[in-house]
Amino acid sequence: DSTYYADSVKGRFTISRANDKNTVNTVYLQMNS
């Protein structure tokens, strides 16, 4: 619930944690545009 980004990717990339119990140790980086 606390995230921050480099200015160069802000608004395009999203960092998040998996909320599925099978991938609980996984963090994602969604890269758009």
PDB file of all heavy atoms in Angstrom:
ATOM      1  N   ASP A   1       0.810  -1.219   0.000  1.00  0.00           N
ATOM      2  CA  ASP A   1       0.000   0.000   0.000  1.00  0.00           C
ATOM      3  C   ASP A   1       0.840   1.263   0.000  1.00  0.00           C
ATOM      4  O   ASP A   1       0.295   2.378   0.024  1.00  0.00           O
ATOM      5  CB  ASP A   1      -0.968   0.003   1.186  1.00  0.00           C
ATOM      6  CG  ASP A   1      -0.253  -0.011   2.521  1.00  0.00           C
ATOM      7  OD1 ASP A   1       0.989   0.016   2.543  1.00  0.00           O
ATOM      8  OD2 ASP A   1      -0.949  -0.050   3.547  1.00  0.00           O
ATOM      9  N   SER A   2       2.144   1.109  -0.020  1.00  0.00           N
ATOM     10  CA  SER A   2       3.036   2.247  -0.160  1.00  0.00           C
ATOM     11  C   SER A   2       3.966   1.975  -1.328  1.00  0.00           C
ATOM     12  O   SER A   2       4.780   1.043  -1.284  1.00  0.00           O
ATOM     13  CB  SER A   2       3.848   2.454   1.125  1.00  0.00           C
ATOM     14  OG  SER A   2       4.719   3.560   0.988  1.00  0.00           O
ATOM     15  N   THR A   3       3.825   2.771  -2.375  1.00  0.00           N
ATOM     16  CA  THR A   3       4.628   2.583  -3.578  1.00  0.00           C
ATOM     17  C   THR A   3       5.192   3.926  -4.033  1.00  0.00           C
ATOM     18  O   THR A   3       4.619   4.982  -3.722  1.00  0.00           O
ATOM     19  CB  THR A   3       3.800   2.000  -4.730  1.00  0.00           C
ATOM     20  OG1 THR A   3       2.725   2.909  -5.037  1.00  0.00           O
ATOM     21  CG2 THR A   3       3.196   0.652  -4.366  1.00  0.00           C
ATOM     22  N   TYR A   4       6.299   3.867  -4.742  1.00  0.00           N
ATOM     23  CA  TYR A   4       6.773   5.078  -5.404  1.00  0.00           C
ATOM     24  C   TYR A   4       7.607   4.702  -6.614  1.00  0.00           C
ATOM     25  O   TYR A   4       8.056   3.565  -6.746  1.00  0.00           O
ATOM     26  CB  TYR A   4       7.502   6.000  -4.438  1.00  0.00           C
ATOM     27  CG  TYR A   4       8.842   5.523  -3.943  1.00  0.00           C
ATOM     28  CD1 TYR A   4      10.026   6.032  -4.478  1.00  0.00           C
ATOM     29  CD2 TYR A   4       8.931   4.599  -2.909  1.00  0.00           C
ATOM     30  CE1 TYR A   4      11.247   5.610  -4.016  1.00  0.00           C
ATOM     31  CE2 TYR A   4      10.156   4.182  -2.440  1.00  0.00           C
ATOM     32  CZ  TYR A   4      11.303   4.697  -2.994  1.00  0.00           C
ATOM     33  OH  TYR A   4      12.531   4.271  -2.539  1.00  0.00           O
ATOM     34  N   TYR A   5       7.746   5.695  -7.519  1.00  0.00           N
ATOM     35  CA  TYR A   5       8.280   5.442  -8.838  1.00  0.00           C
ATOM     36  C   TYR A   5       9.289   6.504  -9.252  1.00  0.00           C
ATOM     37  O   TYR A   5       9.252   7.638  -8.787  1.00  0.00           O
ATOM     38  CB  TYR A   5       7.134   5.448  -9.860  1.00  0.00           C
ATOM     39  CG  TYR A   5       6.065   4.421  -9.587  1.00  0.00           C
ATOM     40  CD1 TYR A   5       4.985   4.709  -8.758  1.00  0.00           C
ATOM     41  CD2 TYR A   5       6.135   3.151 -10.162  1.00  0.00           C
ATOM     42  CE1 TYR A   5       4.005   3.768  -8.502  1.00  0.00           C
ATOM     43  CE2 TYR A   5       5.161   2.200  -9.915  1.00  0.00           C
ATOM     44  CZ  TYR A   5       4.107   2.515  -9.079  1.00  0.00           C
ATOM     45  OH  TYR A   5       3.136   1.573  -8.825  1.00  0.00           O
ATOM     46  N   ALA A   6      10.129   6.100 -10.189  1.00  0.00           N
ATOM     47  CA  ALA A   6      10.991   7.077 -10.842  1.00  0.00           C
ATOM     48  C   ALA A   6      10.104   7.962 -11.714  1.00  0.00           C
ATOM     49  O   ALA A   6       9.088   7.506 -12.251  1.00  0.00           O
ATOM     50  CB  ALA A   6      12.034   6.375 -11.703  1.00  0.00           C
ATOM     51  N   ASP A   7      10.473   9.201 -11.865  1.00  0.00           N
ATOM     52  CA  ASP A   7       9.674  10.126 -12.666  1.00  0.00           C
ATOM     53  C   ASP A   7       9.509   9.626 -14.098  1.00  0.00           C
ATOM     54  O   ASP A   7       8.479   9.865 -14.727  1.00  0.00           O
ATOM     55  CB  ASP A   7      10.330  11.507 -12.682  1.00  0.00           C
ATOM     56  CG  ASP A   7      10.210  12.208 -11.342  1.00  0.00           C
ATOM     57  OD1 ASP A   7       9.360  11.807 -10.519  1.00  0.00           O
ATOM     58  OD2 ASP A   7      10.980  13.153 -11.104  1.00  0.00           O
ATOM     59  N   SER A   8      10.504   8.934 -14.610  1.00  0.00           N
ATOM     60  CA  SER A   8      10.482   8.497 -16.007  1.00  0.00           C
ATOM     61  C   SER A   8       9.428   7.429 -16.293  1.00  0.00           C
ATOM     62  O   SER A   8       9.061   7.212 -17.443  1.00  0.00           O
ATOM     63  CB  SER A   8      11.860   7.966 -16.410  1.00  0.00           C
ATOM     64  OG  SER A   8      12.242   6.883 -15.573  1.00  0.00           O
ATOM     65  N   VAL A   9       8.939   6.755 -15.245  1.00  0.00           N
ATOM     66  CA  VAL A   9       7.948   5.687 -15.456  1.00  0.00           C
ATOM     67  C   VAL A   9       6.625   5.973 -14.765  1.00  0.00           C
ATOM     68  O   VAL A   9       5.660   5.214 -14.936  1.00  0.00           O
ATOM     69  CB  VAL A   9       8.493   4.321 -14.981  1.00  0.00           C
ATOM     70  CG1 VAL A   9       9.837   4.021 -15.628  1.00  0.00           C
ATOM     71  CG2 VAL A   9       8.585   4.247 -13.456  1.00  0.00           C
ATOM     72  N   LYS A  10       6.553   7.035 -14.010  1.00  0.00           N
ATOM     73  CA  LYS A  10       5.333   7.356 -13.272  1.00  0.00           C
ATOM     74  C   LYS A  10       4.162   7.513 -14.218  1.00  0.00           C
ATOM     75  O   LYS A  10       4.257   8.179 -15.247  1.00  0.00           O
ATOM     76  CB  LYS A  10       5.556   8.647 -12.465  1.00  0.00           C
ATOM     77  CG  LYS A  10       4.635   8.822 -11.298  1.00  0.00           C
ATOM     78  CD  LYS A  10       5.070  10.020 -10.465  1.00  0.00           C
ATOM     79  CE  LYS A  10       6.430   9.830  -9.836  1.00  0.00           C
ATOM     80  NZ  LYS A  10       6.837  10.973  -8.986  1.00  0.00           N
ATOM     81  N   GLY A  11       3.050   6.857 -13.866  1.00  0.00           N
ATOM     82  CA  GLY A  11       1.866   6.918 -14.708  1.00  0.00           C
ATOM     83  C   GLY A  11       1.822   5.853 -15.789  1.00  0.00           C
ATOM     84  O   GLY A  11       0.770   5.643 -16.412  1.00  0.00           O
ATOM     85  N   ARG A  12       2.939   5.175 -16.016  1.00  0.00           N
ATOM     86  CA  ARG A  12       2.985   4.108 -17.034  1.00  0.00           C
ATOM     87  C   ARG A  12       3.245   2.744 -16.413  1.00  0.00           C
ATOM     88  O   ARG A  12       2.721   1.736 -16.893  1.00  0.00           O
ATOM     89  CB  ARG A  12       4.085   4.412 -18.060  1.00  0.00           C
ATOM     90  CG  ARG A  12       3.911   5.709 -18.818  1.00  0.00           C
ATOM     91  CD  ARG A  12       4.942   5.854 -19.938  1.00  0.00           C
ATOM     92  NE  ARG A  12       6.319   5.880 -19.446  1.00  0.00           N
ATOM     93  CZ  ARG A  12       7.247   4.991 -19.789  1.00  0.00           C
ATOM     94  NH1 ARG A  12       6.943   4.006 -20.622  1.00  0.00           N
ATOM     95  NH2 ARG A  12       8.478   5.088 -19.311  1.00  0.00           N
ATOM     96  N   PHE A  13       4.043   2.684 -15.371  1.00  0.00           N
ATOM     97  CA  PHE A  13       4.389   1.417 -14.716  1.00  0.00           C
ATOM     98  C   PHE A  13       3.665   1.320 -13.380  1.00  0.00           C
ATOM     99  O   PHE A  13       3.446   2.329 -12.703  1.00  0.00           O
ATOM    100  CB  PHE A  13       5.891   1.328 -14.468  1.00  0.00           C
ATOM    101  CG  PHE A  13       6.743   1.196 -15.703  1.00  0.00           C
ATOM    102  CD1 PHE A  13       6.222   1.330 -16.981  1.00  0.00           C
ATOM    103  CD2 PHE A  13       8.093   0.918 -15.579  1.00  0.00           C
ATOM    104  CE1 PHE A  13       7.017   1.201 -18.107  1.00  0.00           C
ATOM    105  CE2 PHE A  13       8.912   0.779 -16.688  1.00  0.00           C
ATOM    106  CZ  PHE A  13       8.373   0.932 -17.954  1.00  0.00           C
ATOM    107  N   THR A  14       3.349   0.085 -13.006  1.00  0.00           N
ATOM    108  CA  THR A  14       2.721  -0.168 -11.709  1.00  0.00           C
ATOM    109  C   THR A  14       3.401  -1.351 -11.034  1.00  0.00           C
ATOM    110  O   THR A  14       3.502  -2.433 -11.633  1.00  0.00           O
ATOM    111  CB  THR A  14       1.230  -0.468 -11.866  1.00  0.00           C
ATOM    112  OG1 THR A  14       0.579   0.618 -12.525  1.00  0.00           O
ATOM    113  CG2 THR A  14       0.578  -0.673 -10.493  1.00  0.00           C
ATOM    114  N   ILE A  15       3.837  -1.136  -9.809  1.00  0.00           N
ATOM    115  CA  ILE A  15       4.420  -2.225  -9.014  1.00  0.00           C
ATOM    116  C   ILE A  15       3.353  -2.717  -8.047  1.00  0.00           C
ATOM    117  O   ILE A  15       2.617  -1.913  -7.459  1.00  0.00           O
ATOM    118  CB  ILE A  15       5.696  -1.755  -8.273  1.00  0.00           C
ATOM    119  CG1 ILE A  15       6.391  -2.940  -7.599  1.00  0.00           C
ATOM    120  CG2 ILE A  15       5.389  -0.638  -7.285  1.00  0.00           C
ATOM    121  CD1 ILE A  15       7.762  -2.577  -7.017  1.00  0.00           C
ATOM    122  N   SER A  16       3.258  -4.035  -7.887  1.00  0.00           N
ATOM    123  CA  SER A  16       2.225  -4.578  -7.015  1.00  0.00           C
ATOM    124  C   SER A  16       2.634  -5.950  -6.511  1.00  0.00           C
ATOM    125  O   SER A  16       3.540  -6.587  -7.068  1.00  0.00           O
ATOM    126  CB  SER A  16       0.893  -4.680  -7.758  1.00  0.00           C
ATOM    127  OG  SER A  16       0.989  -5.594  -8.836  1.00  0.00           O
ATOM    128  N   ARG A  17       1.928  -6.391  -5.462  1.00  0.00           N
ATOM    129  CA  ARG A  17       2.169  -7.735  -4.929  1.00  0.00           C
ATOM    130  C   ARG A  17       1.065  -8.665  -5.402  1.00  0.00           C
ATOM    131  O   ARG A  17      -0.093  -8.261  -5.507  1.00  0.00           O
ATOM    132  CB  ARG A  17       2.175  -7.711  -3.398  1.00  0.00           C
ATOM    133  CG  ARG A  17       3.390  -7.059  -2.821  1.00  0.00           C
ATOM    134  CD  ARG A  17       3.481  -7.301  -1.342  1.00  0.00           C
ATOM    135  NE  ARG A  17       4.681  -6.701  -0.788  1.00  0.00           N
ATOM    136  CZ  ARG A  17       5.862  -7.286  -0.769  1.00  0.00           C
ATOM    137  NH1 ARG A  17       5.990  -8.505  -1.241  1.00  0.00           N
ATOM    138  NH2 ARG A  17       6.917  -6.665  -0.252  1.00  0.00           N
ATOM    139  N   ALA A  18       1.421  -9.910  -5.632  1.00  0.00           N
ATOM    140  CA  ALA A  18       0.426 -10.910  -5.981  1.00  0.00           C
ATOM    141  C   ALA A  18      -0.474 -11.149  -4.783  1.00  0.00           C
ATOM    142  O   ALA A  18      -0.011 -11.179  -3.641  1.00  0.00           O
ATOM    143  CB  ALA A  18       1.109 -12.208  -6.390  1.00  0.00           C
ATOM    144  N   ASN A  19      -1.770 -11.314  -5.033  1.00  0.00           N
ATOM    145  CA  ASN A  19      -2.697 -11.583  -3.945  1.00  0.00           C
ATOM    146  C   ASN A  19      -3.291 -12.975  -4.027  1.00  0.00           C
ATOM    147  O   ASN A  19      -4.240 -13.304  -3.325  1.00  0.00           O
ATOM    148  CB  ASN A  19      -3.814 -10.545  -3.920  1.00  0.00           C
ATOM    149  CG  ASN A  19      -4.490 -10.413  -5.264  1.00  0.00           C
ATOM    150  OD1 ASN A  19      -4.402 -11.305  -6.093  1.00  0.00           O
ATOM    151  ND2 ASN A  19      -5.137  -9.292  -5.491  1.00  0.00           N
ATOM    152  N   ASP A  20      -2.705 -13.785  -4.880  1.00  0.00           N
ATOM    153  CA  ASP A  20      -3.116 -15.182  -5.004  1.00  0.00           C
ATOM    154  C   ASP A  20      -2.238 -16.007  -4.065  1.00  0.00           C
ATOM    155  O   ASP A  20      -1.029 -15.846  -4.047  1.00  0.00           O
ATOM    156  CB  ASP A  20      -2.913 -15.636  -6.452  1.00  0.00           C
ATOM    157  CG  ASP A  20      -3.384 -17.055  -6.679  1.00  0.00           C
ATOM    158  OD1 ASP A  20      -2.883 -17.949  -5.980  1.00  0.00           O
ATOM    159  OD2 ASP A  20      -4.236 -17.258  -7.548  1.00  0.00           O
ATOM    160  N   LYS A  21      -2.832 -16.893  -3.306  1.00  0.00           N
ATOM    161  CA  LYS A  21      -2.066 -17.665  -2.323  1.00  0.00           C
ATOM    162  C   LYS A  21      -1.007 -18.544  -2.976  1.00  0.00           C
ATOM    163  O   LYS A  21      -0.037 -18.945  -2.335  1.00  0.00           O
ATOM    164  CB  LYS A  21      -2.998 -18.524  -1.480  1.00  0.00           C
ATOM    165  CG  LYS A  21      -3.749 -19.600  -2.252  1.00  0.00           C
ATOM    166  CD  LYS A  21      -4.620 -20.434  -1.328  1.00  0.00           C
ATOM    167  CE  LYS A  21      -5.359 -21.526  -2.080  1.00  0.00           C
ATOM    168  NZ  LYS A  21      -6.199 -22.332  -1.177  1.00  0.00           N
ATOM    169  N   ASN A  22      -1.167 -18.828  -4.255  1.00  0.00           N
ATOM    170  CA  ASN A  22      -0.183 -19.668  -4.937  1.00  0.00           C
ATOM    171  C   ASN A  22       1.023 -18.869  -5.423  1.00  0.00           C
ATOM    172  O   ASN A  22       2.031 -19.459  -5.813  1.00  0.00           O
ATOM    173  CB  ASN A  22      -0.829 -20.377  -6.126  1.00  0.00           C
ATOM    174  CG  ASN A  22      -1.873 -21.377  -5.683  1.00  0.00           C
ATOM    175  OD1 ASN A  22      -1.691 -22.082  -4.698  1.00  0.00           O
ATOM    176  ND2 ASN A  22      -2.981 -21.427  -6.405  1.00  0.00           N
ATOM    177  N   THR A  23       0.911 -17.566  -5.450  1.00  0.00           N
ATOM    178  CA  THR A  23       2.018 -16.724  -5.913  1.00  0.00           C
ATOM    179  C   THR A  23       2.305 -15.638  -4.901  1.00  0.00           C
ATOM    180  O   THR A  23       2.638 -14.521  -5.234  1.00  0.00           O
ATOM    181  CB  THR A  23       1.696 -16.097  -7.281  1.00  0.00           C
ATOM    182  OG1 THR A  23       0.440 -15.405  -7.167  1.00  0.00           O
ATOM    183  CG2 THR A  23       1.619 -17.142  -8.350  1.00  0.00           C
ATOM    184  N   VAL A  24       2.190 -15.983  -3.620  1.00  0.00           N
ATOM    185  CA  VAL A  24       2.241 -14.982  -2.572  1.00  0.00           C
ATOM    186  C   VAL A  24       3.599 -14.319  -2.480  1.00  0.00           C
ATOM    187  O   VAL A  24       3.711 -13.197  -2.001  1.00  0.00           O
ATOM    188  CB  VAL A  24       1.840 -15.603  -1.227  1.00  0.00           C
ATOM    189  CG1 VAL A  24       2.877 -16.620  -0.780  1.00  0.00           C
ATOM    190  CG2 VAL A  24       1.639 -14.547  -0.169  1.00  0.00           C
ATOM    191  N   ASN A  25       4.659 -14.973  -2.931  1.00  0.00           N
ATOM    192  CA  ASN A  25       5.995 -14.378  -2.842  1.00  0.00           C
ATOM    193  C   ASN A  25       6.361 -13.536  -4.045  1.00  0.00           C
ATOM    194  O   ASN A  25       7.505 -13.135  -4.190  1.00  0.00           O
ATOM    195  CB  ASN A  25       7.042 -15.482  -2.686  1.00  0.00           C
ATOM    196  CG  ASN A  25       6.927 -16.186  -1.364  1.00  0.00           C
ATOM    197  OD1 ASN A  25       6.327 -15.679  -0.434  1.00  0.00           O
ATOM    198  ND2 ASN A  25       7.505 -17.368  -1.275  1.00  0.00           N
ATOM    199  N   THR A  26       5.401 -13.276  -4.907  1.00  0.00           N
ATOM    200  CA  THR A  26       5.681 -12.633  -6.181  1.00  0.00           C
ATOM    201  C   THR A  26       5.291 -11.163  -6.192  1.00  0.00           C
ATOM    202  O   THR A  26       4.250 -10.781  -5.664  1.00  0.00           O
ATOM    203  CB  THR A  26       4.935 -13.362  -7.313  1.00  0.00           C
ATOM    204  OG1 THR A  26       5.367 -14.724  -7.350  1.00  0.00           O
ATOM    205  CG2 THR A  26       5.213 -12.715  -8.656  1.00  0.00           C
ATOM    206  N   VAL A  27       6.164 -10.374  -6.777  1.00  0.00           N
ATOM    207  CA  VAL A  27       5.903  -8.957  -7.010  1.00  0.00           C
ATOM    208  C   VAL A  27       5.935  -8.730  -8.521  1.00  0.00           C
ATOM    209  O   VAL A  27       6.761  -9.312  -9.219  1.00  0.00           O
ATOM    210  CB  VAL A  27       6.956  -8.079  -6.307  1.00  0.00           C
ATOM    211  CG1 VAL A  27       6.880  -6.640  -6.781  1.00  0.00           C
ATOM    212  CG2 VAL A  27       6.763  -8.138  -4.798  1.00  0.00           C
ATOM    213  N   TYR A  28       5.041  -7.882  -8.995  1.00  0.00           N
ATOM    214  CA  TYR A  28       4.925  -7.621 -10.427  1.00  0.00           C
ATOM    215  C   TYR A  28       5.357  -6.197 -10.761  1.00  0.00           C
ATOM    216  O   TYR A  28       5.291  -5.305  -9.928  1.00  0.00           O
ATOM    217  CB  TYR A  28       3.488  -7.814 -10.893  1.00  0.00           C
ATOM    218  CG  TYR A  28       2.933  -9.187 -10.670  1.00  0.00           C
ATOM    219  CD1 TYR A  28       1.933  -9.397  -9.732  1.00  0.00           C
ATOM    220  CD2 TYR A  28       3.405 -10.271 -11.391  1.00  0.00           C
ATOM    221  CE1 TYR A  28       1.409 -10.656  -9.515  1.00  0.00           C
ATOM    222  CE2 TYR A  28       2.885 -11.541 -11.180  1.00  0.00           C
ATOM    223  CZ  TYR A  28       1.892 -11.723 -10.243  1.00  0.00           C
ATOM    224  OH  TYR A  28       1.386 -12.981 -10.034  1.00  0.00           O
ATOM    225  N   LEU A  29       5.751  -6.032 -11.998  1.00  0.00           N
ATOM    226  CA  LEU A  29       5.933  -4.707 -12.564  1.00  0.00           C
ATOM    227  C   LEU A  29       5.151  -4.682 -13.868  1.00  0.00           C
ATOM    228  O   LEU A  29       5.569  -5.298 -14.858  1.00  0.00           O
ATOM    229  CB  LEU A  29       7.404  -4.377 -12.817  1.00  0.00           C
ATOM    230  CG  LEU A  29       7.656  -2.961 -13.336  1.00  0.00           C
ATOM    231  CD1 LEU A  29       7.343  -1.927 -12.232  1.00  0.00           C
ATOM    232  CD2 LEU A  29       9.081  -2.779 -13.832  1.00  0.00           C
ATOM    233  N   GLN A  30       4.001  -4.037 -13.838  1.00  0.00           N
ATOM    234  CA  GLN A  30       3.188  -3.884 -15.042  1.00  0.00           C
ATOM    235  C   GLN A  30       3.699  -2.678 -15.808  1.00  0.00           C
ATOM    236  O   GLN A  30       3.692  -1.565 -15.281  1.00  0.00           O
ATOM    237  CB  GLN A  30       1.718  -3.700 -14.674  1.00  0.00           C
ATOM    238  CG  GLN A  30       0.798  -3.499 -15.864  1.00  0.00           C
ATOM    239  CD  GLN A  30       0.697  -4.729 -16.749  1.00  0.00           C
ATOM    240  OE1 GLN A  30       0.573  -5.848 -16.259  1.00  0.00           O
ATOM    241  NE2 GLN A  30       0.748  -4.519 -18.055  1.00  0.00           N
ATOM    242  N   MET A  31       4.101  -2.906 -17.044  1.00  0.00           N
ATOM    243  CA  MET A  31       4.674  -1.853 -17.870  1.00  0.00           C
ATOM    244  C   MET A  31       3.716  -1.562 -19.011  1.00  0.00           C
ATOM    245  O   MET A  31       3.482  -2.405 -19.861  1.00  0.00           O
ATOM    246  CB  MET A  31       6.032  -2.300 -18.419  1.00  0.00           C
ATOM    247  CG  MET A  31       7.001  -2.766 -17.346  1.00  0.00           C
ATOM    248  SD  MET A  31       8.458  -3.609 -18.017  1.00  0.00           S
ATOM    249  CE  MET A  31       9.169  -2.324 -19.029  1.00  0.00           C
ATOM    250  N   ASN A  32       3.146  -0.375 -19.029  1.00  0.00           N
ATOM    251  CA  ASN A  32       2.224   0.048 -20.085  1.00  0.00           C
ATOM    252  C   ASN A  32       2.818   1.213 -20.860  1.00  0.00           C
ATOM    253  O   ASN A  32       3.677   1.932 -20.361  1.00  0.00           O
ATOM    254  CB  ASN A  32       0.879   0.457 -19.493  1.00  0.00           C
ATOM    255  CG  ASN A  32       0.163  -0.692 -18.805  1.00  0.00           C
ATOM    256  OD1 ASN A  32       0.321  -1.861 -19.170  1.00  0.00           O
ATOM    257  ND2 ASN A  32      -0.647  -0.364 -17.804  1.00  0.00           N
ATOM    258  N   SER A  33       2.329   1.389 -22.063  1.00  0.00           N
ATOM    259  CA  SER A  33       2.787   2.502 -22.913  1.00  0.00           C
ATOM    260  C   SER A  33       4.311   2.562 -22.948  1.00  0.00           C
ATOM    261  O   SER A  33       4.921   3.629 -22.766  1.00  0.00           O
ATOM    262  CB  SER A  33       2.226   3.831 -22.393  1.00  0.00           C
ATOM    263  OG  SER A  33       0.812   3.795 -22.351  1.00  0.00           O
TER     264      SER A  33
END
